[in-house]
Structure formats: structure tokens, C-alpha cells
Amino acid sequence: AGPIMRPQEFLPSLERAWTLDAARMWSGFHLAMTGLVKKVVIADSVATLADSVFENPIGLPSVAIHLGAMLFAVQIYCDFSGYTDIARGISRIFGVEIPLNFRAPYFSTSIIDFWRRWHISLSTWLRDYLYIPLGGSRGGRARTHVNLLATMVLGGLWHGAAWNFVVWGAYQGVLLSLNRELREAIQRRPALDRWMCSRPGTVLRWAATMYLVLLGWVIFRVTDGIALASAVRSYVLFDGAIGLSGIGLGNGLAMVSLVAMAAFVLGHALTQLSPEWPERLDTAPTHWVALGYVGIGMLLFFAWPVSHTPFVYFQF
């Protein structure tokens, strides 16, 4: 599941003698606890509603599919990055440094930017061991697009030998190719390039990127072909219906999901401002840290699932 490390990165940490370092251990503890909150309080809380949308999306209105896509986007990010934070935190306690694997991917302003922020260790592995050996961008424009498509299809297969992962990989490869072409076309028009870098242009690029990323998560999540066709059609062709009665959205579940989403937005914004903010809590005033852990303890107590909920990426 990652982070994927090269031998030259990982082995030196194992060869160093372990020493008792209180600051390092506290930093690792803060990071691991942040990951646990992401997993238990946020990911598992929104998973129930996301599952109710995508277990049978046929006939659901567009607003339900869009809501399900947003919830699953939060679920898979908090589940996977939470696991990564736990692994990094525990490893740090024992003196092993594991690199950052996510950099606020939902603040991306292009698909290329997204893949520089999402599962960074896999993205760089695919680049170094598939894309570049295939020729990278050295064989001309057409060859570059073929290499991108092949790399992302194989990246989709890495998640499992299922057709929806292949389609998802191909979709990402096509988006990366289109992104390259569009970026070059815009850069040839200085006035348009300046506007796209302005605040309104940045907001537009972010909104377009998130629309495409969420559609990708629909493809990733739905395994049945007929159900996927229905979900994609509802996502792309907005039907105007606003009912949510078909997904079992009760008041309690809605409130839990709303609180979890608010926690995600806050944490994601902090990560955008400072990617390693959980590791710096050891410099915060002690009374605020203590109060924060009391709150975390209460959240974990009330949110801890009755049954075991495995990490999503453990299946890949």
C-alpha cells in the first residue's frame, strides 16, 4: 500500500543504531494519532453513506452520485493517508524516516498537479520504472501520449486485475495527455496564460480538476459495468433532481457525515498550508496539546466502529 521506498532510502535507517530521542518520539506519536483520527473519525464515518450510494447507483439522481463521489473521495484519501501517517509515525518512533506520500491532493489545479500530490511514492515509481524506460517524452508527441497511457493503465492494474481499474488507469492516462496538450496551447497565448494564473483562473482550474478527479473516483469505486454506465451518465448529464431518498440518508448519518467532512476540510487546508503540520505539534504549548488529545480521545471513543473496518488500500 505504500509509501513505496527504494532500498537506498530505507536500508540506511535500519543500519543506524536506535537512540532514545523524546522529541522524535513525540513527533512520531502526534503523526500516528493524526492518522488514526483520519481513519476512524473521518474515513469510516463517511464510508457508510458512500457505500449506500455506490452499492447500487442505478436510477439514483445526479446529486446523489455527486455526493457519493465527494464522500468516497474523502473516504479514500483519509483512509489511505491516515494509514500512511500511522506507518510514518510508528516508524519515526523507532528511528526510521518514511517520506511524505500526500500533499493536499484536493487542492490541485490540474491533473498533472494531482499526480504530484497523490500517492507520491507510487507516482514516482511509475515514472522511474515504467514511463521513463518506455521512452518518456523523448520519442515525440504521439509516443509521449502512448507512454503515458501505457503507464497509467499498468498503474490501474497495480490496484487489481479488475476491468474498472484498467478503465480508471486509461482515464487518468488520457487526462494527463490532454493536460499536457492544453497546457502547451495556453502557454502559447500570453494573455490567456496570465489570466489562468490569476485568482479567478486558478479557481476555475481547481474546479475543473476536482470535477475530473471525482469522476475518476466513480470509475474506481463502481465495479459493475451497467452500474458504472448509469453512475457516469448521472454524474455527467445532470438531471436536475435533488432527492436523496434512495440512499438511506437519515438525520444521524447526515450529521456524522457533515462533521466528518468539516474535519476533513480543516485538516486538508492545514496540510495545504504546512504539509508536515502534525509533526510540529511537539512545539505547541503543552496545555493546548493536552486539550487536543482529550478531544481526540473522545472522538475515537464515540467513533470507533463496532466491527473491524480494514484499510481500503490493504486490498491492493
Protein backbone atom coordinates (compact mmCIF):
# COMPACT_ATOMS: atom_id res chain seq x y z
CA ALA A 1 0.00 0.00 0.00
CA GLY A 2 2.95 2.32 0.42
CA PRO A 3 4.71 4.58 0.87
CA ILE A 4 6.95 2.78 -1.60
CA MET A 5 10.61 3.26 -0.68
CA ARG A 6 13.78 2.44 -2.61
CA PRO A 7 16.46 0.33 -0.87
CA GLN A 8 18.87 3.27 -0.80
CA GLU A 9 16.25 5.29 1.11
CA PHE A 10 15.14 2.61 3.56
CA LEU A 11 18.15 0.45 4.42
CA PRO A 12 20.37 3.21 5.90
CA SER A 13 17.67 3.88 8.52
CA LEU A 14 17.77 0.23 9.59
CA GLU A 15 21.55 0.25 9.84
CA ARG A 16 21.69 3.24 12.19
CA ALA A 17 21.75 2.49 15.91
CA TRP A 18 18.46 3.37 17.60
CA THR A 19 18.69 6.07 20.25
CA LEU A 20 16.11 7.34 22.69
CA ASP A 21 15.01 10.74 21.38
CA ALA A 22 12.00 12.21 23.17
CA ALA A 23 11.37 14.93 20.56
CA ARG A 24 11.43 12.41 17.70
CA MET A 25 9.17 10.00 19.58
CA TRP A 26 6.62 12.71 20.38
CA SER A 27 6.68 13.85 16.75
CA GLY A 28 6.02 10.28 15.62
CA PHE A 29 3.24 9.87 18.18
CA HIS A 30 1.50 13.05 17.02
CA LEU A 31 1.72 11.89 13.41
CA ALA A 32 0.35 8.42 14.18
CA MET A 33 -2.56 9.85 16.18
CA THR A 34 -3.41 12.20 13.32
CA GLY A 35 -3.59 9.19 11.02
CA LEU A 36 -5.82 7.31 13.45
CA VAL A 37 -8.26 10.23 13.56
CA LYS A 38 -8.30 10.40 9.76
CA LYS A 39 -9.13 6.70 9.55
CA VAL A 40 -11.61 6.20 12.41
CA VAL A 41 -13.28 9.59 12.78
CA ILE A 42 -13.43 10.71 9.14
CA ALA A 43 -12.94 7.84 6.66
CA ASP A 44 -15.06 5.25 8.46
CA SER A 45 -17.76 7.83 9.21
CA VAL A 46 -18.35 8.78 5.57
CA ALA A 47 -17.83 5.23 4.24
CA THR A 48 -21.34 4.08 5.20
CA LEU A 49 -23.02 6.76 3.14
CA ALA A 50 -20.58 6.42 0.22
CA ASP A 51 -21.25 2.67 0.16
CA SER A 52 -25.01 3.22 0.16
CA VAL A 53 -24.63 5.32 -3.00
CA PHE A 54 -22.32 3.06 -4.97
CA GLU A 55 -23.57 -0.39 -3.98
CA ASN A 56 -26.49 0.20 -6.36
CA PRO A 57 -26.21 3.55 -8.17
CA ILE A 58 -28.64 2.63 -10.95
CA GLY A 59 -31.50 5.11 -11.04
CA LEU A 60 -30.07 7.48 -8.45
CA PRO A 61 -30.30 11.21 -9.28
CA SER A 62 -27.23 13.19 -10.25
CA VAL A 63 -27.00 14.98 -6.92
CA ALA A 64 -26.73 11.61 -5.13
CA ILE A 65 -23.93 10.46 -7.44
CA HIS A 66 -22.04 13.73 -6.95
CA LEU A 67 -22.49 13.47 -3.18
CA GLY A 68 -21.30 9.86 -3.26
CA ALA A 69 -18.25 10.83 -5.32
CA MET A 70 -17.30 13.57 -2.82
CA LEU A 71 -17.79 11.25 0.14
CA PHE A 72 -15.73 8.47 -1.45
CA ALA A 73 -13.00 10.99 -2.32
CA VAL A 74 -12.83 11.96 1.36
CA GLN A 75 -13.01 8.31 2.44
CA ILE A 76 -10.19 7.02 0.24
CA TYR A 77 -7.93 9.99 0.99
CA CYS A 78 -8.40 9.90 4.78
CA ASP A 79 -8.25 6.09 4.84
CA PHE A 80 -5.05 5.88 2.79
CA SER A 81 -3.26 8.98 4.07
CA GLY A 82 -4.34 8.01 7.60
CA TYR A 83 -2.70 4.61 7.18
CA THR A 84 0.40 6.35 5.80
CA ASP A 85 0.54 8.75 8.75
CA ILE A 86 0.26 5.85 11.22
CA ALA A 87 3.05 3.97 9.43
CA ARG A 88 5.26 7.07 9.25
CA GLY A 89 4.61 7.95 12.88
CA ILE A 90 5.39 4.50 14.28
CA SER A 91 8.45 4.22 12.05
CA ARG A 92 9.69 7.60 13.26
CA ILE A 93 9.39 6.49 16.88
CA PHE A 94 11.85 3.70 16.04
CA GLY A 95 14.15 5.99 14.10
CA VAL A 96 13.06 5.10 10.56
CA GLU A 97 12.04 8.04 8.36
CA ILE A 98 9.39 7.37 5.70
CA PRO A 99 8.77 10.13 3.12
CA LEU A 100 5.59 12.16 2.81
CA ASN A 101 3.12 10.43 0.48
CA PHE A 102 0.37 13.07 0.10
CA ARG A 103 0.44 16.85 -0.28
CA ALA A 104 -3.18 18.06 -0.08
CA PRO A 105 -4.17 16.49 -3.44
CA TYR A 106 -7.64 18.03 -3.46
CA PHE A 107 -6.11 21.49 -3.77
CA SER A 108 -4.63 20.50 -7.14
CA THR A 109 -5.23 22.82 -10.08
CA SER A 110 -4.51 20.27 -12.83
CA ILE A 111 -4.40 16.51 -13.28
CA ILE A 112 -0.60 16.68 -13.55
CA ASP A 113 -0.57 18.58 -10.25
CA PHE A 114 -2.88 15.97 -8.71
CA TRP A 115 -0.49 13.14 -9.51
CA ARG A 116 2.37 15.13 -7.97
CA ARG A 117 0.38 15.25 -4.73
CA TRP A 118 -1.46 11.89 -4.63
CA HIS A 119 0.37 8.68 -3.57
CA ILE A 120 3.65 10.39 -4.41
CA SER A 121 5.77 7.29 -3.94
CA LEU A 122 3.68 5.31 -6.46
CA SER A 123 3.67 8.20 -8.94
CA THR A 124 7.45 8.49 -8.85
CA TRP A 125 7.83 4.69 -9.04
CA LEU A 126 5.63 4.57 -12.15
CA ARG A 127 7.62 7.44 -13.64
CA ASP A 128 11.05 5.94 -12.93
CA TYR A 129 10.34 2.28 -13.70
CA LEU A 130 7.66 2.44 -16.41
CA TYR A 131 7.26 5.84 -18.07
CA ILE A 132 10.96 6.70 -18.50
CA PRO A 133 12.04 3.17 -19.59
CA LEU A 134 9.23 3.24 -22.18
CA GLY A 135 10.81 6.38 -23.60
CA GLY A 136 9.13 9.09 -21.57
CA SER A 137 8.72 12.24 -23.63
CA ARG A 138 11.77 11.60 -25.82
CA GLY A 139 10.01 9.98 -28.78
CA GLY A 140 7.80 12.82 -29.95
CA ARG A 141 4.29 13.90 -29.05
CA ALA A 142 2.42 10.77 -30.15
CA ARG A 143 4.90 8.46 -28.44
CA THR A 144 4.68 10.51 -25.24
CA HIS A 145 0.91 10.05 -25.14
CA VAL A 146 1.23 6.31 -25.76
CA ASN A 147 3.78 6.05 -22.94
CA LEU A 148 1.53 7.98 -20.56
CA LEU A 149 -1.46 5.80 -21.41
CA ALA A 150 0.51 2.55 -21.02
CA THR A 151 1.99 3.70 -17.70
CA MET A 152 -1.36 4.66 -16.19
CA VAL A 153 -3.13 1.51 -17.43
CA LEU A 154 -0.43 -0.55 -15.72
CA GLY A 155 -0.85 1.69 -12.67
CA GLY A 156 -4.54 0.84 -12.71
CA LEU A 157 -3.72 -2.87 -12.90
CA TRP A 158 -1.44 -2.42 -9.87
CA HIS A 159 -4.65 -1.87 -7.87
CA GLY A 160 -6.07 -5.20 -9.01
CA ALA A 161 -6.91 -7.33 -12.05
CA ALA A 162 -10.37 -5.81 -12.47
CA TRP A 163 -11.68 -4.04 -15.54
CA ASN A 164 -12.75 -0.90 -13.63
CA PHE A 165 -9.14 -0.34 -12.50
CA VAL A 166 -7.98 -0.69 -16.11
CA VAL A 167 -10.61 1.84 -17.22
CA TRP A 168 -9.63 4.15 -14.37
CA GLY A 169 -5.95 3.93 -15.35
CA ALA A 170 -6.76 4.60 -19.01
CA TYR A 171 -8.94 7.55 -17.97
CA GLN A 172 -6.07 9.02 -15.96
CA GLY A 173 -3.65 8.48 -18.85
CA VAL A 174 -5.96 10.29 -21.28
CA LEU A 175 -6.41 13.16 -18.81
CA LEU A 176 -2.64 13.52 -18.36
CA SER A 177 -2.15 13.65 -22.13
CA LEU A 178 -4.92 16.22 -22.57
CA ASN A 179 -3.47 18.24 -19.70
CA ARG A 180 -0.08 18.39 -21.44
CA GLU A 181 -1.64 19.50 -24.72
CA LEU A 182 -3.87 22.10 -23.09
CA ARG A 183 -1.01 23.50 -21.01
CA GLU A 184 1.16 23.94 -24.12
CA ALA A 185 -1.72 25.58 -26.02
CA ILE A 186 -2.37 28.05 -23.18
CA GLN A 187 1.33 28.89 -22.81
CA ARG A 188 1.40 29.94 -26.47
CA ARG A 189 -1.18 32.65 -25.64
CA PRO A 190 0.42 35.02 -23.09
CA ALA A 191 -2.80 36.89 -22.22
CA LEU A 192 -4.72 33.67 -21.60
CA ASP A 193 -1.77 32.23 -19.67
CA ARG A 194 -1.71 35.27 -17.37
CA TRP A 195 -5.46 35.03 -16.76
CA MET A 196 -5.26 31.31 -15.98
CA CYS A 197 -2.62 32.13 -13.34
CA SER A 198 -4.84 34.82 -11.78
CA ARG A 199 -7.12 34.09 -8.83
CA PRO A 200 -10.28 33.55 -10.96
CA GLY A 201 -8.31 31.38 -13.37
CA THR A 202 -6.85 29.34 -10.51
CA VAL A 203 -10.33 28.76 -9.07
CA LEU A 204 -11.56 27.66 -12.49
CA ARG A 205 -8.63 25.25 -12.90
CA TRP A 206 -9.23 23.83 -9.43
CA ALA A 207 -12.97 23.33 -10.06
CA ALA A 208 -12.33 21.61 -13.41
CA THR A 209 -9.67 19.39 -11.87
CA MET A 210 -11.92 18.31 -8.99
CA TYR A 211 -14.77 17.56 -11.40
CA LEU A 212 -12.50 15.21 -13.35
CA VAL A 213 -10.89 13.68 -10.25
CA LEU A 214 -14.30 12.91 -8.73
CA LEU A 215 -15.45 11.29 -11.96
CA GLY A 216 -12.32 9.16 -11.77
CA TRP A 217 -13.27 8.05 -8.25
CA VAL A 218 -16.69 6.97 -9.53
CA ILE A 219 -14.94 4.75 -12.09
CA PHE A 220 -12.57 3.46 -9.41
CA ARG A 221 -15.37 2.63 -6.94
CA VAL A 222 -18.10 1.02 -9.08
CA THR A 223 -17.18 -2.50 -10.21
CA ASP A 224 -20.28 -3.49 -12.20
CA GLY A 225 -20.32 -2.34 -15.84
CA ILE A 226 -24.04 -1.50 -16.05
CA ALA A 227 -23.96 0.27 -12.68
CA LEU A 228 -20.88 2.24 -13.73
CA ALA A 229 -22.50 3.34 -17.00
CA SER A 230 -25.53 4.56 -15.04
CA ALA A 231 -23.39 6.36 -12.45
CA VAL A 232 -21.21 8.07 -15.07
CA ARG A 233 -24.27 9.15 -17.05
CA SER A 234 -25.86 10.64 -13.92
CA TYR A 235 -22.60 12.36 -12.98
CA VAL A 236 -22.01 13.93 -16.41
CA LEU A 237 -25.60 14.61 -17.50
CA PHE A 238 -27.04 16.47 -14.52
CA ASP A 239 -30.74 15.63 -14.33
CA GLY A 240 -31.82 18.44 -12.01
CA ALA A 241 -33.40 16.11 -9.43
CA ILE A 242 -32.43 16.90 -5.84
CA GLY A 243 -33.93 13.96 -3.94
CA LEU A 244 -31.70 11.79 -1.74
CA SER A 245 -34.34 9.36 -0.50
CA GLY A 246 -32.80 6.41 -2.35
CA ILE A 247 -29.55 6.33 -0.35
CA GLY A 248 -30.82 5.93 3.20
CA LEU A 249 -29.68 9.34 4.44
CA GLY A 250 -31.05 9.64 7.97
CA ASN A 251 -30.60 12.66 10.23
CA GLY A 252 -27.99 10.91 12.38
CA LEU A 253 -25.95 9.71 9.41
CA ALA A 254 -26.19 13.12 7.77
CA MET A 255 -24.87 14.85 10.91
CA VAL A 256 -22.00 12.39 11.33
CA SER A 257 -21.04 12.79 7.67
CA LEU A 258 -21.25 16.58 7.93
CA VAL A 259 -18.96 16.69 10.97
CA ALA A 260 -16.51 14.29 9.30
CA MET A 261 -16.47 16.41 6.14
CA ALA A 262 -15.83 19.57 8.18
CA ALA A 263 -12.91 17.86 9.94
CA PHE A 264 -11.53 16.77 6.58
CA VAL A 265 -11.73 20.28 5.11
CA LEU A 266 -9.93 21.73 8.14
CA GLY A 267 -7.20 19.09 8.07
CA HIS A 268 -6.76 19.34 4.31
CA ALA A 269 -6.46 23.13 4.49
CA LEU A 270 -3.81 22.80 7.22
CA THR A 271 -1.94 20.29 5.05
CA GLN A 272 -2.02 22.70 2.11
CA LEU A 273 -0.54 25.44 4.31
CA SER A 274 2.01 23.16 6.02
CA PRO A 275 2.27 19.56 4.73
CA GLU A 276 4.02 18.34 7.88
CA TRP A 277 1.90 20.19 10.46
CA PRO A 278 1.09 17.08 12.60
CA GLU A 279 4.80 16.54 13.18
CA ARG A 280 5.22 20.04 14.60
CA LEU A 281 2.72 19.66 17.43
CA ASP A 282 5.62 18.98 19.80
CA THR A 283 6.45 22.70 19.61
CA ALA A 284 2.90 23.78 20.55
CA PRO A 285 2.02 24.85 24.12
CA THR A 286 1.61 21.79 26.35
CA HIS A 287 -1.86 22.73 27.64
CA TRP A 288 -3.22 23.07 24.10
CA VAL A 289 -1.74 19.73 23.08
CA ALA A 290 -3.22 18.08 26.18
CA LEU A 291 -6.63 19.60 25.48
CA GLY A 292 -6.40 18.44 21.89
CA TYR A 293 -5.69 14.87 22.93
CA VAL A 294 -8.65 14.89 25.31
CA GLY A 295 -10.81 15.86 22.33
CA ILE A 296 -9.18 13.19 20.15
CA GLY A 297 -9.81 10.58 22.84
CA MET A 298 -13.49 11.49 22.96
CA LEU A 299 -13.78 11.41 19.17
CA LEU A 300 -12.14 8.00 18.97
CA PHE A 301 -14.31 6.65 21.79
CA PHE A 302 -17.58 7.64 20.12
CA ALA A 303 -16.49 6.99 16.53
CA TRP A 304 -14.68 3.67 16.98
CA PRO A 305 -16.53 1.10 14.85
CA VAL A 306 -18.18 -1.93 16.45
CA SER A 307 -16.83 -4.19 13.70
CA HIS A 308 -13.35 -4.16 12.17
CA THR A 309 -13.08 -1.86 9.14
CA PRO A 310 -9.93 -2.67 7.11
CA PHE A 311 -7.92 -0.04 5.29
CA VAL A 312 -9.11 0.37 1.69
CA TYR A 313 -5.63 0.09 0.18
CA PHE A 314 -4.88 -3.16 2.02
CA GLN A 315 -6.80 -4.97 -0.74
CA PHE A 316 -4.40 -3.77 -3.47
